[in-house]
Amino acid sequence: MRMGECAAENAMGGEKVFRPEQSPSRAYVGPEFAGVGFTEEQAKELHLDYKVGKFPTSGNGRSLVAGHTDGMIKILSGAKYGEILGVHILAPSATELIEEAALAIRLEATLEEFTSTIHCHPTVAEAVRECALAVDKKAIHIPNRR
């Protein structure tokens, strides 16, 4: 949709730029999959110094109540500054949850900025925040292993 909007504006004399690296991708399968930014494989190819956090939806209260305990969230962040490099979600409503991550990447948000943003409770979106906490082994609802 955004690519088409950019093309239409440019056809009318605009100077819009479409940035595919900031565009979330998605698959409507059961459960949904969505991702934005770099994958771990891409980060390795680019020789980026990064950290990874993972958080299972089984650690999220709202997901537990809904019976959606087989999902996973993964966040990559820059090792030096903590900027969010990529977010990948395999869970029900992943295509809804990825929007916050796309905005964080577009605005070059850090883990601290992301985790200090208040999330409604109880929500599945809290699981994305907990995944960001897990990057630095600070998650609340799963064991943190160093």
N, C-alpha and C. Protein backbone atom coordinates (compact mmCIF):
# COMPACT_ATOMS: atom_id res chain seq x y z
N MET A 1 0.82 -1.18 0.00
CA MET A 1 0.00 0.00 0.00
C MET A 1 0.87 1.26 0.00
N ARG A 2 1.87 1.29 0.89
CA ARG A 2 2.72 2.49 0.98
C ARG A 2 3.54 2.69 -0.29
N MET A 3 4.00 1.60 -0.89
CA MET A 3 4.76 1.70 -2.13
C MET A 3 3.90 2.35 -3.21
N GLY A 4 2.65 1.94 -3.30
CA GLY A 4 1.73 2.52 -4.27
C GLY A 4 1.46 3.99 -4.00
N GLU A 5 1.34 4.36 -2.72
CA GLU A 5 1.13 5.77 -2.37
C GLU A 5 2.34 6.61 -2.80
N CYS A 6 3.54 6.09 -2.55
CA CYS A 6 4.76 6.80 -2.96
C CYS A 6 4.80 6.97 -4.48
N ALA A 7 4.48 5.90 -5.21
CA ALA A 7 4.49 5.96 -6.67
C ALA A 7 3.49 6.99 -7.19
N ALA A 8 2.29 6.99 -6.61
CA ALA A 8 1.27 7.94 -7.05
C ALA A 8 1.68 9.38 -6.76
N GLU A 9 2.23 9.62 -5.58
CA GLU A 9 2.68 10.98 -5.24
C GLU A 9 3.82 11.42 -6.15
N ASN A 10 4.75 10.51 -6.45
CA ASN A 10 5.88 10.84 -7.32
C ASN A 10 5.41 11.09 -8.76
N ALA A 11 4.39 10.35 -9.19
CA ALA A 11 3.84 10.57 -10.54
C ALA A 11 3.25 11.97 -10.67
N MET A 12 2.84 12.53 -9.54
CA MET A 12 2.26 13.88 -9.53
C MET A 12 3.30 14.94 -9.17
N GLY A 13 4.60 14.57 -9.23
CA GLY A 13 5.66 15.54 -9.00
C GLY A 13 6.25 15.51 -7.60
N GLY A 14 5.80 14.59 -6.77
CA GLY A 14 6.32 14.49 -5.41
C GLY A 14 7.71 13.87 -5.38
N GLU A 15 8.30 13.81 -4.22
CA GLU A 15 9.63 13.23 -4.05
C GLU A 15 9.64 12.24 -2.88
N LYS A 16 8.66 11.39 -2.81
CA LYS A 16 8.56 10.40 -1.73
C LYS A 16 9.54 9.26 -1.98
N VAL A 17 10.04 8.69 -0.90
CA VAL A 17 10.97 7.57 -0.97
C VAL A 17 10.36 6.40 -0.21
N PHE A 18 10.33 5.25 -0.84
CA PHE A 18 9.87 4.02 -0.18
C PHE A 18 11.10 3.29 0.36
N ARG A 19 11.08 2.97 1.63
CA ARG A 19 12.20 2.26 2.27
C ARG A 19 11.75 0.84 2.62
N PRO A 20 12.11 -0.12 1.78
CA PRO A 20 11.65 -1.50 2.02
C PRO A 20 12.13 -2.08 3.35
N GLU A 21 13.28 -1.63 3.86
CA GLU A 21 13.77 -2.16 5.13
C GLU A 21 12.91 -1.73 6.31
N GLN A 22 12.06 -0.73 6.12
CA GLN A 22 11.16 -0.28 7.17
C GLN A 22 9.74 -0.80 6.96
N SER A 23 9.55 -1.61 5.95
CA SER A 23 8.23 -2.13 5.62
C SER A 23 8.03 -3.51 6.25
N PRO A 24 7.04 -3.64 7.12
CA PRO A 24 6.79 -4.95 7.72
C PRO A 24 6.34 -5.97 6.66
N SER A 25 6.77 -7.20 6.85
CA SER A 25 6.27 -8.29 6.00
C SER A 25 5.38 -9.15 6.87
N ARG A 26 4.51 -9.94 6.24
CA ARG A 26 3.58 -10.73 7.02
C ARG A 26 3.11 -11.94 6.24
N ALA A 27 2.67 -12.93 7.00
CA ALA A 27 2.05 -14.12 6.42
C ALA A 27 0.86 -14.49 7.29
N TYR A 28 -0.30 -14.57 6.67
CA TYR A 28 -1.52 -14.90 7.40
C TYR A 28 -1.72 -16.41 7.41
N VAL A 29 -0.92 -17.07 8.21
CA VAL A 29 -1.02 -18.51 8.40
C VAL A 29 -1.36 -18.72 9.86
N GLY A 30 -1.53 -19.94 10.29
CA GLY A 30 -1.85 -20.17 11.69
C GLY A 30 -0.67 -20.73 12.43
N PRO A 31 -0.04 -20.02 13.36
CA PRO A 31 -0.28 -18.61 13.69
C PRO A 31 0.35 -17.68 12.67
N GLU A 32 0.00 -16.41 12.77
CA GLU A 32 0.53 -15.42 11.85
C GLU A 32 2.03 -15.23 12.07
N PHE A 33 2.71 -14.78 11.03
CA PHE A 33 4.13 -14.40 11.13
C PHE A 33 4.28 -12.99 10.60
N ALA A 34 5.07 -12.18 11.30
CA ALA A 34 5.36 -10.83 10.82
C ALA A 34 6.78 -10.46 11.23
N GLY A 35 7.42 -9.67 10.40
CA GLY A 35 8.78 -9.24 10.71
C GLY A 35 9.07 -7.90 10.07
N VAL A 36 10.01 -7.18 10.67
CA VAL A 36 10.45 -5.91 10.13
C VAL A 36 11.91 -5.73 10.51
N GLY A 37 12.67 -5.08 9.64
CA GLY A 37 14.08 -4.87 9.91
C GLY A 37 14.91 -6.08 9.54
N PHE A 38 16.11 -6.13 10.11
CA PHE A 38 17.05 -7.19 9.78
C PHE A 38 16.68 -8.52 10.44
N THR A 39 16.93 -9.60 9.71
CA THR A 39 16.90 -10.93 10.31
C THR A 39 18.29 -11.17 10.90
N GLU A 40 18.42 -12.19 11.70
CA GLU A 40 19.72 -12.51 12.27
C GLU A 40 20.71 -12.88 11.17
N GLU A 41 20.24 -13.56 10.14
CA GLU A 41 21.11 -13.93 9.03
C GLU A 41 21.64 -12.69 8.31
N GLN A 42 20.77 -11.70 8.10
CA GLN A 42 21.20 -10.46 7.45
C GLN A 42 22.21 -9.70 8.32
N ALA A 43 21.96 -9.66 9.62
CA ALA A 43 22.88 -8.98 10.54
C ALA A 43 24.26 -9.63 10.50
N LYS A 44 24.29 -10.96 10.42
CA LYS A 44 25.57 -11.67 10.32
C LYS A 44 26.28 -11.34 9.01
N GLU A 45 25.53 -11.36 7.90
CA GLU A 45 26.11 -11.04 6.59
C GLU A 45 26.70 -9.64 6.55
N LEU A 46 26.07 -8.71 7.26
CA LEU A 46 26.53 -7.32 7.29
C LEU A 46 27.58 -7.07 8.38
N HIS A 47 27.94 -8.13 9.10
CA HIS A 47 28.93 -8.05 10.17
C HIS A 47 28.54 -7.04 11.24
N LEU A 48 27.23 -6.98 11.55
CA LEU A 48 26.76 -6.08 12.59
C LEU A 48 27.02 -6.70 13.95
N ASP A 49 27.35 -5.87 14.91
CA ASP A 49 27.51 -6.32 16.29
C ASP A 49 26.14 -6.18 16.94
N TYR A 50 25.49 -7.29 17.22
CA TYR A 50 24.10 -7.25 17.69
C TYR A 50 23.87 -8.21 18.84
N LYS A 51 22.75 -7.99 19.52
CA LYS A 51 22.29 -8.87 20.59
C LYS A 51 20.88 -9.35 20.24
N VAL A 52 20.49 -10.47 20.83
CA VAL A 52 19.18 -11.06 20.53
C VAL A 52 18.41 -11.30 21.83
N GLY A 53 17.13 -11.00 21.77
CA GLY A 53 16.22 -11.36 22.85
C GLY A 53 15.11 -12.21 22.27
N LYS A 54 14.69 -13.20 23.03
CA LYS A 54 13.56 -14.05 22.62
C LYS A 54 12.58 -14.13 23.77
N PHE A 55 11.30 -14.16 23.42
CA PHE A 55 10.27 -14.25 24.46
C PHE A 55 9.12 -15.11 23.94
N PRO A 56 8.76 -16.17 24.66
CA PRO A 56 7.64 -17.02 24.25
C PRO A 56 6.31 -16.41 24.68
N THR A 57 5.30 -16.57 23.87
CA THR A 57 3.99 -16.05 24.26
C THR A 57 3.44 -16.77 25.49
N SER A 58 3.98 -17.91 25.81
CA SER A 58 3.55 -18.62 27.03
C SER A 58 3.91 -17.84 28.29
N GLY A 59 4.78 -16.84 28.17
CA GLY A 59 5.13 -16.00 29.31
C GLY A 59 4.27 -14.76 29.43
N ASN A 60 3.28 -14.63 28.57
CA ASN A 60 2.41 -13.45 28.56
C ASN A 60 1.02 -13.81 29.06
N GLY A 61 0.54 -13.12 30.08
CA GLY A 61 -0.75 -13.43 30.70
C GLY A 61 -1.92 -13.41 29.74
N ARG A 62 -2.00 -12.41 28.89
CA ARG A 62 -3.12 -12.31 27.95
C ARG A 62 -3.10 -13.46 26.96
N SER A 63 -1.91 -13.86 26.51
CA SER A 63 -1.79 -15.00 25.61
C SER A 63 -2.19 -16.29 26.30
N LEU A 64 -1.83 -16.41 27.57
CA LEU A 64 -2.21 -17.60 28.34
C LEU A 64 -3.73 -17.73 28.42
N VAL A 65 -4.40 -16.63 28.74
CA VAL A 65 -5.86 -16.64 28.86
C VAL A 65 -6.51 -17.03 27.54
N ALA A 66 -5.93 -16.56 26.43
CA ALA A 66 -6.49 -16.86 25.10
C ALA A 66 -6.08 -18.24 24.58
N GLY A 67 -5.17 -18.92 25.30
CA GLY A 67 -4.71 -20.23 24.85
C GLY A 67 -3.70 -20.16 23.72
N HIS A 68 -3.03 -19.03 23.55
CA HIS A 68 -2.05 -18.85 22.49
C HIS A 68 -0.64 -18.91 23.07
N THR A 69 -0.24 -20.09 23.42
CA THR A 69 1.02 -20.26 24.15
C THR A 69 2.15 -20.83 23.30
N ASP A 70 1.93 -20.96 22.01
CA ASP A 70 2.96 -21.58 21.17
C ASP A 70 3.68 -20.58 20.27
N GLY A 71 3.57 -19.29 20.58
CA GLY A 71 4.21 -18.27 19.76
C GLY A 71 5.57 -17.85 20.30
N MET A 72 6.28 -17.06 19.50
CA MET A 72 7.62 -16.59 19.86
C MET A 72 7.86 -15.22 19.25
N ILE A 73 8.59 -14.39 20.00
CA ILE A 73 8.99 -13.07 19.53
C ILE A 73 10.50 -13.01 19.62
N LYS A 74 11.13 -12.37 18.64
CA LYS A 74 12.58 -12.24 18.61
C LYS A 74 12.93 -10.81 18.24
N ILE A 75 13.84 -10.21 19.00
CA ILE A 75 14.29 -8.85 18.73
C ILE A 75 15.80 -8.83 18.61
N LEU A 76 16.28 -8.13 17.58
CA LEU A 76 17.72 -7.88 17.41
C LEU A 76 17.96 -6.41 17.71
N SER A 77 19.02 -6.15 18.46
CA SER A 77 19.39 -4.77 18.73
C SER A 77 20.88 -4.60 18.55
N GLY A 78 21.28 -3.37 18.25
CA GLY A 78 22.70 -3.07 18.13
C GLY A 78 23.37 -3.24 19.49
N ALA A 79 24.54 -3.87 19.51
CA ALA A 79 25.22 -4.15 20.77
C ALA A 79 25.72 -2.88 21.45
N LYS A 80 26.14 -1.89 20.68
CA LYS A 80 26.75 -0.70 21.28
C LYS A 80 25.71 0.30 21.78
N TYR A 81 24.74 0.64 20.95
CA TYR A 81 23.78 1.69 21.31
C TYR A 81 22.40 1.17 21.68
N GLY A 82 22.12 -0.11 21.41
CA GLY A 82 20.83 -0.68 21.75
C GLY A 82 19.71 -0.34 20.78
N GLU A 83 20.05 0.16 19.58
CA GLU A 83 19.01 0.49 18.61
C GLU A 83 18.36 -0.80 18.11
N ILE A 84 17.06 -0.75 17.91
CA ILE A 84 16.31 -1.92 17.46
C ILE A 84 16.58 -2.12 15.98
N LEU A 85 17.10 -3.29 15.64
CA LEU A 85 17.49 -3.61 14.26
C LEU A 85 16.47 -4.49 13.55
N GLY A 86 15.76 -5.32 14.29
CA GLY A 86 14.80 -6.23 13.68
C GLY A 86 13.88 -6.83 14.72
N VAL A 87 12.65 -7.09 14.32
CA VAL A 87 11.67 -7.73 15.20
C VAL A 87 10.91 -8.75 14.36
N HIS A 88 10.76 -9.95 14.91
CA HIS A 88 10.08 -11.03 14.20
C HIS A 88 9.14 -11.72 15.18
N ILE A 89 7.89 -11.89 14.75
CA ILE A 89 6.86 -12.42 15.63
C ILE A 89 6.13 -13.57 14.95
N LEU A 90 6.04 -14.69 15.64
CA LEU A 90 5.24 -15.83 15.21
C LEU A 90 4.21 -16.05 16.31
N ALA A 91 3.00 -15.57 16.07
CA ALA A 91 1.96 -15.64 17.10
C ALA A 91 0.64 -15.13 16.51
N PRO A 92 -0.48 -15.50 17.13
CA PRO A 92 -1.73 -14.89 16.71
C PRO A 92 -1.62 -13.36 16.83
N SER A 93 -2.17 -12.66 15.88
CA SER A 93 -2.15 -11.19 15.82
C SER A 93 -0.76 -10.61 15.60
N ALA A 94 0.18 -11.39 15.11
CA ALA A 94 1.52 -10.89 14.83
C ALA A 94 1.48 -9.70 13.88
N THR A 95 0.54 -9.74 12.92
CA THR A 95 0.45 -8.66 11.94
C THR A 95 -0.06 -7.37 12.58
N GLU A 96 -0.70 -7.45 13.71
CA GLU A 96 -1.11 -6.25 14.44
C GLU A 96 0.02 -5.78 15.36
N LEU A 97 0.74 -6.70 15.94
CA LEU A 97 1.81 -6.37 16.88
C LEU A 97 3.03 -5.76 16.21
N ILE A 98 3.27 -6.07 14.96
CA ILE A 98 4.50 -5.64 14.29
C ILE A 98 4.54 -4.13 14.04
N GLU A 99 3.39 -3.48 14.05
CA GLU A 99 3.34 -2.05 13.74
C GLU A 99 4.19 -1.22 14.70
N GLU A 100 4.15 -1.53 15.98
CA GLU A 100 4.95 -0.81 16.97
C GLU A 100 6.44 -0.99 16.67
N ALA A 101 6.81 -2.18 16.26
CA ALA A 101 8.21 -2.45 15.94
C ALA A 101 8.65 -1.69 14.69
N ALA A 102 7.78 -1.61 13.69
CA ALA A 102 8.11 -0.86 12.47
C ALA A 102 8.35 0.61 12.80
N LEU A 103 7.53 1.17 13.67
CA LEU A 103 7.71 2.56 14.08
C LEU A 103 9.01 2.72 14.85
N ALA A 104 9.30 1.79 15.74
CA ALA A 104 10.54 1.86 16.52
C ALA A 104 11.77 1.84 15.60
N ILE A 105 11.76 1.00 14.59
CA ILE A 105 12.89 0.94 13.67
C ILE A 105 12.97 2.23 12.85
N ARG A 106 11.84 2.71 12.37
CA ARG A 106 11.84 3.95 11.57
C ARG A 106 12.39 5.12 12.38
N LEU A 107 12.07 5.18 13.66
CA LEU A 107 12.51 6.29 14.50
C LEU A 107 13.85 6.02 15.18
N GLU A 108 14.48 4.88 14.83
CA GLU A 108 15.77 4.48 15.40
C GLU A 108 15.71 4.42 16.92
N ALA A 109 14.62 3.87 17.43
CA ALA A 109 14.43 3.75 18.87
C ALA A 109 15.41 2.75 19.47
N THR A 110 15.78 3.01 20.70
CA THR A 110 16.65 2.09 21.43
C THR A 110 15.80 1.16 22.28
N LEU A 111 16.43 0.12 22.80
CA LEU A 111 15.74 -0.79 23.71
C LEU A 111 15.17 -0.04 24.89
N GLU A 112 15.97 0.89 25.45
CA GLU A 112 15.52 1.64 26.63
C GLU A 112 14.29 2.48 26.30
N GLU A 113 14.28 3.11 25.14
CA GLU A 113 13.11 3.90 24.74
C GLU A 113 11.90 3.01 24.53
N PHE A 114 12.13 1.85 23.95
CA PHE A 114 11.04 0.91 23.69
C PHE A 114 10.46 0.36 24.99
N THR A 115 11.35 -0.06 25.89
CA THR A 115 10.87 -0.69 27.13
C THR A 115 10.32 0.32 28.13
N SER A 116 10.74 1.57 28.03
CA SER A 116 10.21 2.57 28.95
C SER A 116 8.86 3.12 28.49
N THR A 117 8.43 2.74 27.29
CA THR A 117 7.10 3.11 26.80
C THR A 117 6.07 2.26 27.52
N ILE A 118 5.09 2.91 28.12
CA ILE A 118 4.07 2.17 28.89
C ILE A 118 3.16 1.42 27.94
N HIS A 119 2.98 0.14 28.22
CA HIS A 119 2.08 -0.72 27.45
C HIS A 119 0.87 -1.04 28.33
N CYS A 120 -0.29 -1.12 27.72
CA CYS A 120 -1.49 -1.48 28.48
C CYS A 120 -1.34 -2.87 29.06
N HIS A 121 -1.97 -3.09 30.21
CA HIS A 121 -1.91 -4.38 30.90
C HIS A 121 -3.33 -4.82 31.21
N PRO A 122 -3.70 -6.02 30.95
CA PRO A 122 -2.94 -7.07 30.27
C PRO A 122 -3.17 -7.03 28.77
N THR A 123 -2.10 -7.07 28.00
CA THR A 123 -2.20 -7.13 26.54
C THR A 123 -1.11 -8.05 25.99
N VAL A 124 -1.32 -8.52 24.79
CA VAL A 124 -0.30 -9.32 24.12
C VAL A 124 0.88 -8.44 23.74
N ALA A 125 0.64 -7.15 23.50
CA ALA A 125 1.72 -6.22 23.15
C ALA A 125 2.78 -6.15 24.24
N GLU A 126 2.41 -6.44 25.46
CA GLU A 126 3.40 -6.47 26.54
C GLU A 126 4.47 -7.52 26.27
N ALA A 127 4.13 -8.55 25.54
CA ALA A 127 5.11 -9.60 25.22
C ALA A 127 6.23 -9.05 24.34
N VAL A 128 5.91 -8.10 23.46
CA VAL A 128 6.94 -7.49 22.62
C VAL A 128 7.88 -6.67 23.51
N ARG A 129 7.33 -5.95 24.47
CA ARG A 129 8.14 -5.19 25.42
C ARG A 129 9.03 -6.13 26.23
N GLU A 130 8.47 -7.25 26.68
CA GLU A 130 9.26 -8.21 27.46
C GLU A 130 10.37 -8.82 26.63
N CYS A 131 10.13 -9.00 25.34
CA CYS A 131 11.18 -9.51 24.48
C CYS A 131 12.32 -8.50 24.41
N ALA A 132 11.98 -7.21 24.33
CA ALA A 132 13.01 -6.17 24.34
C ALA A 132 13.79 -6.21 25.66
N LEU A 133 13.10 -6.46 26.77
CA LEU A 133 13.79 -6.60 28.06
C LEU A 133 14.70 -7.83 28.05
N ALA A 134 14.27 -8.88 27.36
CA ALA A 134 15.04 -10.13 27.32
C ALA A 134 16.37 -9.97 26.60
N VAL A 135 16.48 -8.97 25.73
CA VAL A 135 17.76 -8.74 25.04
C VAL A 135 18.88 -8.54 26.07
N ASP A 136 18.58 -7.80 27.13
CA ASP A 136 19.56 -7.55 28.18
C ASP A 136 19.34 -8.42 29.42
N LYS A 137 18.63 -9.53 29.23
CA LYS A 137 18.37 -10.49 30.31
C LYS A 137 17.61 -9.86 31.47
N LYS A 138 16.61 -9.01 31.15
CA LYS A 138 15.83 -8.33 32.17
C LYS A 138 14.34 -8.66 32.09
N ALA A 139 13.97 -9.70 31.35
CA ALA A 139 12.56 -10.06 31.22
C ALA A 139 11.99 -10.39 32.59
N ILE A 140 10.71 -10.14 32.75
CA ILE A 140 10.05 -10.33 34.03
C ILE A 140 9.42 -11.72 34.16
N HIS A 141 8.87 -12.25 33.08
CA HIS A 141 8.08 -13.47 33.16
C HIS A 141 8.72 -14.72 32.58
N ILE A 142 10.01 -14.69 32.33
CA ILE A 142 10.76 -15.89 31.92
C ILE A 142 12.10 -15.87 32.63
N PRO A 143 12.73 -17.03 32.76
CA PRO A 143 14.09 -17.05 33.34
C PRO A 143 15.07 -16.33 32.42
N ASN A 144 15.94 -15.53 32.98
CA ASN A 144 16.95 -14.83 32.21
C ASN A 144 18.26 -15.54 32.38
N ARG A 145 18.79 -16.05 31.29
CA ARG A 145 20.05 -16.79 31.34
C ARG A 145 21.15 -15.96 30.71
N ARG A 146 22.24 -15.88 31.39
CA ARG A 146 23.39 -15.10 30.88
C ARG A 146 24.25 -15.97 30.02
